Amino acid sequence: MKGTRGFLLAGTQSGVGKTTLSTGVMGTLKKRGLQVKAFKVGPDYIDPQFHRYITGNPSRNLDSYLLKEDTIKELFHKNLEEEDIAVVEGVMGLYDGLGTQKDEGSSAHVSKILQLPVILVIDGRGVSTSAAAMVLGYKLYDPDINLAGVIINNVSGEKHYSLLKEGIERDTGIKCLGYLRKNNNIQLKSRHLGLIPCDEVPELEEKLEDLVEMVEETVDIEGLLAVAKEIEIKKKEVKPLRAEEITLAYAYDSAFNFYYQDNLDLLKELGCRLIPFSPLKDTGLPEGIDGIYIGGGFPEVFARELEENQGIRRNLYEEAQRGLPIYGECGGFMYLTKAIKTFDGEVYQMAGVFDATAEMTNRLQRFGYCQVSIKENSSFHKEAFTTKAHEFHRGVVIAPSREYVYSVVKKKKEKIIDRWSCGIESYNCLGGFPHIHFYSNPTFINNFLEKCRIYKKEIRGNQL
């Protein structure tokens, strides 16, 4: 393969097997000696973990609600090199986005922004000629989409595939590029927030090896490469930053691993030296740090282990009292409260930075895109501003003071359909449920880092 090429794998709906298939295709391309760069449409954190595991390269999110079109192009191109193959996994169904807006937040929208051909993944269970009608509908719904191929999942065997292939190619003019047989051994299992993260999957290496073997056997990889579009890489010139370097610790282990790769990259570009630490295993915080970032994850799953690690909980509380800036997001926010009540009703002690408690419920509390307005004169932010965000959680945080930093709205066709308040501040610490992509409005992270620089100069500097 010459030059950089790419394509987008999209499904007809959630649960059709696009993550399984995307991961298998990535692994097969890597096995052929190609440098695979993976991307994920939408705000999901877990699918990119599987991409990274199978390719050995970070996977990045491309979300046309959270990010402007030019930003999506910039983040896509800046992470590609000559001879790469870019594989973009879609989100939900091809046209599913913000409400009924097919051109905001959808895989179709991202494919048009990046001018990538779409490979449609369909479910072959219990259908024959009807599969052709389904594919034709997806083709005609938006003529601006380059629907370049179809891969069929959950096929009973070669005869079934031949039947489906004949109808689809005859009636739609779209080429079938192979299939996967139904195989429970390679299915990626889920729990309350989607797929189980890859570091918790038993025998993951063996599962993925089996998956790659299946893809090699029944998916037309040469056909995929043939329809992949050549990409003219356009990189923005990045001016060297002269900001004073600060040291930022970020929680990274099985309990906390929800981070957008581009957020971490931006922190480095803004002058941060990043040091990972584990609230599960480390006895204390890294030395010489100017701030802490605790992303989302599953503290409720590891609540017992987090409680048992008293040393780091105490260390966090003491450093917060000394003025160390800390930002906690979703699961990280819950960890900074006094305690978490899990699904089974057990209560476990947490860091206690915020005068609040977290509790898991049996239903989704918030799900979807939102806009977050952050009030003026809060912990990190002197002036009020707004950023786009995403929420997806079953937890609630109960704060006696009910003094919240975030005012959040959910909109449909520019009309507010729901509003709520959340986000707590204490000392120099801020926490909330919304997941924020720093490129959506860099003001958020710039203000946090400025607080870290002030801490380094005025507080930590006096302690040296």
Foldseek 3Di string as FASTA:
>chain_A
DFWEWEAEEFEQFPPLCLLLLLLLLLLLCVVVVAQEAEEEQDQDQFSQLSVCVRRVDGYFYQFQQQFPLVVSLQVVQVPDDIRHYYYYYWDTGQQDAAPNHSCGRGVQVNCLSQVWAYEYEYELPPDFLVLLVSVQCVCPVDVSHRHAEYEYEQAQDDVRVVRRQVNNCVRRVHHYFWYAHDDPLLDFDADQQGGQHPVPDPPNVVSSVVSNVRCVVTGNSVSVVVRTGRGDRDHDDDDQDPDEAFEEEEEDDQAFDRDRPVLVVVCVSNRYDYHYDHLQPDLADDPRHLAYETEGGHCLVVQVSNLVSVRHLQRVQVVLVLQREYEAEANRQQLCDQWEQHPVRDIGGHSHNAPKHKYFDPDWPFFFKKKKWFPAPALQHNHIDIRIFTATGRMDIGHPVPDFGIWMFRDDPNHTPDIDGHWDDGRSYIYTHTDHDCNRPVVVVVSSVVSSVCCVVPRVVVVD
